[in-house]
Amino acid sequence: MHSWQFEIKNDKQTKVVTGDINQLPDQTLMLSLINKDKQDDALQLTFKDTWYASVQLTGGDSIDLSQFMSTGTLSFDIRLDDMHNAALDLKMSCGDDCETSVRLREWALEQDPSQWNRLVIPLNCFTQQDGEFNAVTHPFTLVSGGKGTLSLANIELNKSAEANFNCEDLSEVSTTPAMLNEYWAVNWWLPRHQEKLTQLTPDVELLMIGDSITHGWEDAGKAVWEKEFSNINTINLGFGGDRTENVLWRLEHGAIDNISPKLAVVMIGTNNTGHRLDPPQEIYQGVAAIVSKLNQTLPSTQVVLLSIFPRSEKTTDKLRINNDQTNLLLANLVKHHKVEIIDINHDFLDKNGQLSTSIMPDLLHPNEQGYEIWAQHLQAIFAKYLTAK
C-alpha cells in the first residue's frame, strides 16, 4: 500500500503527514515518529482540548476487502500512554457515505500504559453495520477525543488470522442496561444519578426522562420551566449523552423506586443515532424496553412518549432520516404498552422541513426559543394528566 498516506485531523482541520513531526495549526493534535523496535518504526499521537482527533490511512485507490471480512483481521501494535480522559474507536469505510466502527475505550482502560499490545480485531466486527467493503477508501481510522497520548506500529490487514479481541454484539447494545462510560461523562454522570436518588419523595408528580435535550430544562430551558412549570413537583431525569441503554440502567438502579408520579414524559434515542447510528429497529427496541420498565414499575403512572426531535438541517441528512424512521416505528408502541405518543416535530421545522439554527443552534439542542415551543405542548399534556380530578 505504498500509495497510501496518513493524515491527522480534528473537527476543523486536516493535515497530511509528510515528515517526522506533524502538528495541526491549532496545536490540538500532533503526530510524530518514535522508536519501537528500530529507528522511526512507530507513530505517536498526542492530542488535547479536542472533541475529535484521528489518525487515518488514506489517499490510495480504493481496495476490495469483501473477501477478507468473514475470516480476516485488522491488527496493530498499540501503547496507550495516557488514555483515561479520552475516547477510542477504530473505524473503517464501507462504501459511499458509509462508515463502521469498533469501540475500544473499555479495552483500552484495562491495559498497562507502559506496555505495547498486539491488538488483533476480527473484520467481522465491522460487518455488524451495513456495508459492502468492496471499495474501501479508509481501511484504518483511529479516532479519539479529549486529552491523551497513544502510539501505533505494524498495522496489518490479514485475510485469515487468529483474533484476540471480542467485539460487542451491536444488536443487543440498545437494550442492555449500561452506565454511560464516555470520557467526558464519567466525572458527573454517576454523581448526578446519585443526587437524583436523594430527590425521590412520595409526592413527586412528574418525571422528565431523556438525554441532554431533557437535561437542558436545567440550562437553556431553565427560565422557561421556572416561568411555566415551577409549581409542579418534578424530577428531571435527563442526562446529557444518554442512549437507551443508559436510561435503562438508571431506571433499574433506583431512579423510579418508591414513587408513584402521575406522569412520566420520555424522549430518548437521538444519541443512539448520533453516537452509533443504530438501526431504527434497535432504537425502537431500546425505547420499548424503557416504556415497558416504566409500565411495570409505575403501573399507575401515565407515560407520554415524545417522538425523537429532528436533528440536522435538511430532511436528507442520514441522522435526520434515522430518527424519522425510528419515529415511524415508535408509533407501534401503543399496541402493546400503556403509553401516549406525541409528535411535535413539525413546530421546530419550516415548511420545507428544514431545521433552523435560530431554534437549535447546533441543529440538535433547543435554545430558549426551542424550549418555549416545547413548553406550549407540555402545557396541554400537563393539563390532561396532572390536573386534579
Protein backbone atom coordinates (compact mmCIF):
# COMPACT_ATOMS: atom_id res chain seq x y z
CA MET A 1 0.00 0.00 0.00
CA HIS A 2 2.82 2.36 -0.84
CA SER A 3 0.50 4.89 -2.48
CA TRP A 4 -1.34 5.41 0.80
CA GLN A 5 -0.50 8.01 3.42
CA PHE A 6 -1.50 9.05 6.90
CA GLU A 7 -3.38 12.20 7.78
CA ILE A 8 -4.31 13.71 11.11
CA LYS A 9 -7.47 15.69 11.66
CA ASN A 10 -9.82 17.19 14.18
CA ASP A 11 -13.34 18.50 13.57
CA LYS A 12 -11.99 21.63 11.84
CA GLN A 13 -8.56 20.90 10.34
CA THR A 14 -6.76 18.17 8.39
CA LYS A 15 -3.07 17.69 7.66
CA VAL A 16 -1.37 15.05 5.52
CA VAL A 17 1.60 13.51 7.34
CA THR A 18 4.77 14.43 5.47
CA GLY A 19 7.67 14.39 7.94
CA ASP A 20 8.93 13.27 11.33
CA ILE A 21 6.68 15.62 13.30
CA ASN A 22 3.27 16.87 12.12
CA GLN A 23 1.01 19.23 14.02
CA LEU A 24 -2.32 20.85 13.28
CA PRO A 25 -2.21 24.66 13.16
CA ASP A 26 -4.36 24.98 16.29
CA GLN A 27 -1.86 22.74 18.15
CA THR A 28 -4.55 20.37 19.42
CA LEU A 29 -3.10 17.35 17.62
CA MET A 30 0.44 16.16 16.88
CA LEU A 31 1.79 13.02 15.21
CA SER A 32 5.46 12.17 15.46
CA LEU A 33 7.76 9.27 14.60
CA ILE A 34 9.17 7.35 17.56
CA ASN A 35 11.29 4.24 18.05
CA LYS A 36 9.77 0.88 18.99
CA ASP A 37 11.96 -1.95 17.68
CA LYS A 38 14.09 0.19 15.42
CA GLN A 39 14.55 3.80 14.34
CA ASP A 40 11.30 5.60 13.48
CA ASP A 41 9.17 2.44 13.20
CA ALA A 42 6.18 3.74 15.20
CA LEU A 43 3.82 6.71 15.38
CA GLN A 44 2.86 8.66 18.48
CA LEU A 45 -0.37 10.63 18.52
CA THR A 46 -0.82 13.35 21.15
CA PHE A 47 -4.00 15.41 21.40
CA LYS A 48 -5.68 17.82 23.79
CA ASP A 49 -8.74 20.03 24.09
CA THR A 50 -10.44 18.47 21.08
CA TRP A 51 -13.80 16.77 20.66
CA TYR A 52 -12.49 14.75 17.71
CA ALA A 53 -8.95 13.63 16.94
CA SER A 54 -7.98 10.98 14.40
CA VAL A 55 -5.10 9.42 12.52
CA GLN A 56 -6.23 7.91 9.24
CA LEU A 57 -4.79 5.87 6.40
CA THR A 58 -6.00 7.45 3.17
CA GLY A 59 -5.17 8.65 -0.32
CA GLY A 60 -4.74 5.43 -2.30
CA ASP A 61 -7.06 3.70 -4.74
CA SER A 62 -9.99 2.04 -3.00
CA ILE A 63 -9.38 -1.57 -2.04
CA ASP A 64 -11.70 -4.57 -2.14
CA LEU A 65 -11.90 -6.16 1.32
CA SER A 66 -15.12 -8.09 0.71
CA GLN A 67 -13.26 -11.42 0.71
CA PHE A 68 -11.49 -10.51 3.96
CA MET A 69 -14.50 -9.65 6.09
CA SER A 70 -15.62 -13.11 7.23
CA THR A 71 -12.28 -14.51 8.46
CA GLY A 72 -9.84 -11.61 8.21
CA THR A 73 -8.38 -9.31 10.84
CA LEU A 74 -7.07 -5.80 11.26
CA SER A 75 -4.13 -5.85 13.63
CA PHE A 76 -1.64 -3.35 15.03
CA ASP A 77 0.68 -2.73 17.95
CA ILE A 78 -0.60 -0.08 20.32
CA ARG A 79 0.70 1.50 23.52
CA LEU A 80 -1.82 3.56 25.46
CA ASP A 81 0.47 6.11 27.05
CA ASP A 82 -2.32 8.23 28.56
CA MET A 83 -5.92 7.48 27.63
CA HIS A 84 -8.01 7.79 30.81
CA ASN A 85 -9.50 11.09 29.66
CA ALA A 86 -10.06 10.10 26.06
CA ALA A 87 -12.34 8.20 23.73
CA LEU A 88 -11.02 5.45 21.46
CA ASP A 89 -12.71 3.94 18.42
CA LEU A 90 -11.46 2.18 15.31
CA LYS A 91 -13.34 2.99 12.12
CA MET A 92 -13.40 1.70 8.56
CA SER A 93 -15.19 2.97 5.47
CA CYS A 94 -17.69 0.57 3.93
CA GLY A 95 -18.94 2.32 0.80
CA ASP A 96 -20.42 5.66 -0.22
CA ASP A 97 -21.29 7.67 2.89
CA CYS A 98 -20.81 4.52 4.96
CA GLU A 99 -18.56 4.09 7.98
CA THR A 100 -18.45 1.35 10.61
CA SER A 101 -16.71 1.39 13.95
CA VAL A 102 -15.48 -0.75 16.82
CA ARG A 103 -15.41 0.72 20.32
CA LEU A 104 -12.06 0.31 22.09
CA ARG A 105 -12.34 2.57 25.15
CA GLU A 106 -13.26 -0.19 27.63
CA TRP A 107 -10.47 -2.43 26.31
CA ALA A 108 -8.01 0.46 26.50
CA LEU A 109 -8.79 1.25 30.13
CA GLU A 110 -7.81 -2.30 31.11
CA GLN A 111 -4.33 -2.14 29.53
CA ASP A 112 -0.98 -1.36 31.14
CA PRO A 113 0.00 2.06 29.75
CA SER A 114 3.70 1.18 29.80
CA GLN A 115 3.33 -1.88 27.56
CA TRP A 116 2.93 -2.43 23.84
CA ASN A 117 -0.03 -4.68 22.97
CA ARG A 118 -0.70 -6.54 19.73
CA LEU A 119 -4.41 -5.96 19.09
CA VAL A 120 -5.99 -8.30 16.51
CA ILE A 121 -9.57 -7.32 15.67
CA PRO A 122 -11.85 -9.58 13.59
CA LEU A 123 -13.03 -7.76 10.49
CA ASN A 124 -16.49 -9.21 11.04
CA CYS A 125 -16.79 -6.77 13.96
CA PHE A 126 -17.22 -4.09 11.28
CA THR A 127 -19.84 -6.04 9.30
CA GLN A 128 -22.49 -5.76 12.03
CA GLN A 129 -23.39 -2.48 10.35
CA ASP A 130 -24.45 -2.25 6.71
CA GLY A 131 -21.67 -2.04 4.16
CA GLU A 132 -20.25 -3.73 1.09
CA PHE A 133 -16.49 -3.28 1.73
CA ASN A 134 -15.66 -3.74 -1.96
CA ALA A 135 -14.34 -0.21 -2.35
CA VAL A 136 -12.78 0.76 0.98
CA THR A 137 -11.21 4.21 0.92
CA HIS A 138 -10.27 4.37 4.63
CA PRO A 139 -9.22 0.94 5.92
CA PHE A 140 -7.80 2.32 9.17
CA THR A 141 -9.03 5.32 11.14
CA LEU A 142 -8.25 5.53 14.83
CA VAL A 143 -10.49 8.12 16.46
CA SER A 144 -10.19 9.71 19.87
CA GLY A 145 -11.09 12.92 21.64
CA GLY A 146 -10.43 14.74 24.86
CA LYS A 147 -6.81 14.57 26.01
CA GLY A 148 -4.35 11.72 25.59
CA THR A 149 -1.34 10.07 24.01
CA LEU A 150 -1.09 6.74 22.21
CA SER A 151 1.47 5.03 19.99
CA LEU A 152 0.99 2.76 16.94
CA ALA A 153 3.09 0.39 14.87
CA ASN A 154 2.86 -2.52 12.42
CA ILE A 155 -0.65 -2.05 11.05
CA GLU A 156 -1.73 -5.10 9.03
CA LEU A 157 -4.76 -6.44 7.19
CA ASN A 158 -4.84 -10.23 7.08
CA LYS A 159 -7.21 -12.45 5.13
CA SER A 160 -7.09 -15.09 7.86
CA ALA A 161 -5.63 -14.77 11.36
CA GLU A 162 -6.48 -15.56 14.97
CA ALA A 163 -8.09 -12.61 16.74
CA ASN A 164 -7.65 -11.60 20.38
CA PHE A 165 -10.49 -9.08 20.64
CA ASN A 166 -14.20 -9.77 21.18
CA CYS A 167 -16.46 -7.06 19.84
CA GLU A 168 -19.81 -6.35 21.46
CA ASP A 169 -22.99 -7.52 19.75
CA LEU A 170 -24.42 -4.26 18.43
CA SER A 171 -27.88 -5.78 18.02
CA GLU A 172 -28.18 -6.02 21.82
CA VAL A 173 -26.48 -2.81 22.96
CA SER A 174 -29.56 -0.56 22.94
CA THR A 175 -31.50 -2.92 25.26
CA THR A 176 -28.68 -3.95 27.63
CA PRO A 177 -28.60 -1.63 30.67
CA ALA A 178 -25.25 0.15 30.96
CA MET A 179 -23.72 3.18 32.63
CA LEU A 180 -22.57 6.00 30.36
CA ASN A 181 -18.82 5.45 30.10
CA GLU A 182 -17.69 8.27 27.84
CA TYR A 183 -14.59 10.13 28.99
CA TRP A 184 -16.49 13.41 29.21
CA ALA A 185 -19.23 11.92 31.39
CA VAL A 186 -17.51 9.72 33.96
CA ASN A 187 -16.90 12.57 36.42
CA TRP A 188 -20.51 13.72 36.62
CA TRP A 189 -22.87 11.01 35.33
CA LEU A 190 -22.97 8.69 38.33
CA PRO A 191 -22.90 11.58 40.86
CA ARG A 192 -25.88 13.11 39.06
CA HIS A 193 -27.71 9.79 39.26
CA GLN A 194 -26.96 9.52 42.97
CA GLU A 195 -28.13 13.10 43.53
CA LYS A 196 -31.41 12.36 41.77
CA LEU A 197 -31.98 9.38 44.06
CA THR A 198 -31.90 11.73 47.06
CA GLN A 199 -34.70 13.78 45.48
CA LEU A 200 -37.17 10.89 45.29
CA THR A 201 -40.14 11.64 47.53
CA PRO A 202 -43.65 10.15 47.63
CA ASP A 203 -45.20 13.41 46.43
CA VAL A 204 -43.29 13.58 43.11
CA GLU A 205 -45.85 14.35 40.40
CA LEU A 206 -43.79 14.36 37.21
CA LEU A 207 -40.75 12.65 35.75
CA MET A 208 -38.95 14.10 32.73
CA ILE A 209 -36.82 11.29 31.28
CA GLY A 210 -34.29 11.56 28.48
CA ASP A 211 -30.89 12.80 27.34
CA SER A 212 -29.25 16.23 27.04
CA ILE A 213 -32.37 17.73 25.45
CA THR A 214 -34.37 16.95 28.59
CA HIS A 215 -31.35 17.74 30.78
CA GLY A 216 -31.44 21.17 29.12
CA TRP A 217 -34.53 22.19 31.11
CA GLU A 218 -31.96 22.88 33.83
CA ASP A 219 -29.88 25.07 31.49
CA ALA A 220 -31.09 26.64 28.22
CA GLY A 221 -34.70 25.95 29.16
CA LYS A 222 -34.42 26.80 32.85
CA ALA A 223 -36.08 30.23 32.64
CA VAL A 224 -38.94 28.80 30.60
CA TRP A 225 -39.51 25.96 33.06
CA GLU A 226 -39.45 28.27 36.07
CA LYS A 227 -41.95 30.58 34.38
CA GLU A 228 -44.35 27.88 33.22
CA PHE A 229 -44.00 24.83 35.45
CA SER A 230 -42.27 25.72 38.73
CA ASN A 231 -45.40 24.72 40.66
CA ILE A 232 -45.09 21.06 39.54
CA ASN A 233 -43.12 18.71 41.80
CA THR A 234 -40.75 17.39 39.15
CA ILE A 235 -37.63 15.27 38.94
CA ASN A 236 -35.59 15.87 35.79
CA LEU A 237 -34.06 12.55 34.77
CA GLY A 238 -32.47 13.94 31.63
CA PHE A 239 -28.76 13.06 31.36
CA GLY A 240 -26.57 14.52 28.63
CA GLY A 241 -25.22 11.87 26.26
CA ASP A 242 -27.60 9.11 27.33
CA ARG A 243 -28.66 6.42 24.93
CA THR A 244 -31.49 3.98 25.57
CA GLU A 245 -29.27 1.53 27.46
CA ASN A 246 -28.13 4.27 29.85
CA VAL A 247 -31.70 5.26 30.70
CA LEU A 248 -32.49 1.58 31.31
CA TRP A 249 -29.56 1.33 33.73
CA ARG A 250 -30.79 4.32 35.69
CA LEU A 251 -34.36 3.00 35.85
CA GLU A 252 -33.06 -0.35 37.09
CA HIS A 253 -30.82 1.28 39.71
CA GLY A 254 -33.26 3.24 41.82
CA ALA A 255 -34.38 6.17 39.66
CA ILE A 256 -38.06 5.22 39.88
CA ASP A 257 -38.14 3.31 43.18
CA ASN A 258 -40.73 4.07 45.88
CA ILE A 259 -42.54 6.81 43.95
CA SER A 260 -45.86 6.99 42.12
CA PRO A 261 -45.91 10.07 39.89
CA LYS A 262 -48.95 10.90 37.83
CA LEU A 263 -46.95 11.37 34.64
CA ALA A 264 -43.64 10.43 33.01
CA VAL A 265 -42.61 12.27 29.84
CA VAL A 266 -39.97 10.42 27.85
CA MET A 267 -37.85 11.32 24.85
CA ILE A 268 -34.76 9.28 24.04
CA GLY A 269 -32.91 7.84 21.07
CA THR A 270 -31.13 10.63 19.24
CA ASN A 271 -27.78 9.64 20.76
CA ASN A 272 -28.28 6.06 19.58
CA THR A 273 -28.40 7.67 16.14
CA GLY A 274 -25.65 10.22 16.64
CA HIS A 275 -23.12 8.10 18.53
CA ARG A 276 -23.50 4.75 16.74
CA LEU A 277 -26.10 5.19 14.00
CA ASP A 278 -28.08 2.34 15.50
CA PRO A 279 -30.66 0.95 13.05
CA PRO A 280 -34.18 2.26 13.73
CA GLN A 281 -35.44 -1.19 14.80
CA GLU A 282 -32.78 -1.41 17.50
CA ILE A 283 -33.54 2.09 18.81
CA TYR A 284 -37.22 1.12 18.85
CA GLN A 285 -36.41 -1.94 20.93
CA GLY A 286 -34.46 0.20 23.39
CA VAL A 287 -37.30 2.71 23.76
CA ALA A 288 -39.80 -0.15 24.08
CA ALA A 289 -37.74 -1.59 26.94
CA ILE A 290 -37.85 1.78 28.72
CA VAL A 291 -41.62 2.11 28.34
CA SER A 292 -42.09 -1.48 29.49
CA LYS A 293 -39.95 -0.85 32.58
CA LEU A 294 -41.97 2.25 33.44
CA ASN A 295 -45.27 0.39 32.97
CA GLN A 296 -44.11 -2.47 35.20
CA THR A 297 -42.58 -0.39 38.00
CA LEU A 298 -45.04 2.53 37.90
CA PRO A 299 -48.37 0.93 36.89
CA SER A 300 -50.44 3.96 37.89
CA THR A 301 -48.23 6.45 36.03
CA GLN A 302 -49.23 7.69 32.60
CA VAL A 303 -46.32 7.53 30.17
CA VAL A 304 -46.15 10.09 27.36
CA LEU A 305 -43.50 9.40 24.74
CA LEU A 306 -42.34 12.23 22.51
CA SER A 307 -41.11 11.46 19.02
CA ILE A 308 -37.36 11.98 18.79
CA PHE A 309 -36.77 15.63 17.94
CA PRO A 310 -35.43 16.48 14.47
CA ARG A 311 -31.69 16.92 14.08
CA SER A 312 -29.54 18.20 11.19
CA GLU A 313 -30.65 20.98 8.89
CA LYS A 314 -32.08 19.04 5.95
CA THR A 315 -34.51 16.17 5.58
CA THR A 316 -31.92 14.28 3.50
CA ASP A 317 -29.30 14.09 6.27
CA LYS A 318 -28.72 10.47 7.31
CA LEU A 319 -29.08 11.28 11.01
CA ARG A 320 -32.42 13.02 10.42
CA ILE A 321 -33.58 10.09 8.31
CA ASN A 322 -32.58 7.59 11.01
CA ASN A 323 -34.54 9.47 13.66
CA ASP A 324 -37.55 9.86 11.35
CA GLN A 325 -37.59 6.16 10.57
CA THR A 326 -37.35 5.37 14.27
CA ASN A 327 -40.30 7.64 14.99
CA LEU A 328 -42.43 5.73 12.49
CA LEU A 329 -41.70 2.54 14.43
CA LEU A 330 -42.36 4.15 17.82
CA ALA A 331 -45.98 4.66 16.82
CA ASN A 332 -46.45 0.90 17.21
CA LEU A 333 -45.74 1.01 20.95
CA VAL A 334 -49.35 1.90 21.76
CA LYS A 335 -50.40 -1.59 20.63
CA HIS A 336 -48.57 -3.29 23.49
CA HIS A 337 -47.88 -0.67 26.17
CA LYS A 338 -49.65 1.92 28.29
CA VAL A 339 -48.28 4.97 26.51
CA GLU A 340 -49.44 8.01 24.58
CA ILE A 341 -47.18 9.10 21.74
CA ILE A 342 -47.00 12.75 20.74
CA ASP A 343 -45.10 14.20 17.78
CA ILE A 344 -44.39 17.95 17.98
CA ASN A 345 -41.51 17.95 15.50
CA HIS A 346 -43.30 19.97 12.84
CA ASP A 347 -43.24 23.03 15.10
CA PHE A 348 -39.43 23.04 15.04
CA LEU A 349 -39.25 22.96 11.22
CA ASP A 350 -40.05 25.33 8.38
CA LYS A 351 -42.48 24.49 5.57
CA ASN A 352 -39.72 22.62 3.72
CA GLY A 353 -38.85 20.50 6.72
CA GLN A 354 -35.59 22.34 7.41
CA LEU A 355 -34.34 22.90 10.94
CA SER A 356 -33.13 26.39 11.78
CA THR A 357 -30.20 27.38 13.96
CA SER A 358 -32.47 30.08 15.37
CA ILE A 359 -34.28 27.30 17.26
CA MET A 360 -31.49 24.72 17.62
CA PRO A 361 -28.14 26.50 17.20
CA ASP A 362 -26.20 23.25 16.81
CA LEU A 363 -29.07 21.62 14.88
CA LEU A 364 -29.66 19.25 17.80
CA HIS A 365 -30.24 21.07 21.11
CA PRO A 366 -33.03 23.67 21.53
CA ASN A 367 -32.23 27.17 22.71
CA GLU A 368 -34.65 29.15 24.87
CA GLN A 369 -36.94 29.71 21.88
CA GLY A 370 -36.96 25.98 21.23
CA TYR A 371 -37.88 25.26 24.84
CA GLU A 372 -40.70 27.81 24.56
CA ILE A 373 -42.10 25.77 21.67
CA TRP A 374 -41.79 22.57 23.67
CA ALA A 375 -43.41 24.19 26.71
CA GLN A 376 -46.51 25.09 24.71
CA HIS A 377 -47.12 21.41 24.04
CA LEU A 378 -46.26 20.37 27.59
CA GLN A 379 -48.94 22.73 28.91
CA ALA A 380 -51.60 20.68 27.15
CA ILE A 381 -50.09 17.40 28.30
CA PHE A 382 -49.82 18.56 31.90
CA ALA A 383 -53.37 19.91 31.87
CA LYS A 384 -54.58 16.49 30.76
CA TYR A 385 -52.68 14.32 33.22
CA LEU A 386 -51.62 16.49 36.18
CA THR A 387 -54.79 18.43 36.89
CA ALA A 388 -56.53 17.16 39.99
CA LYS A 389 -59.70 15.22 39.25
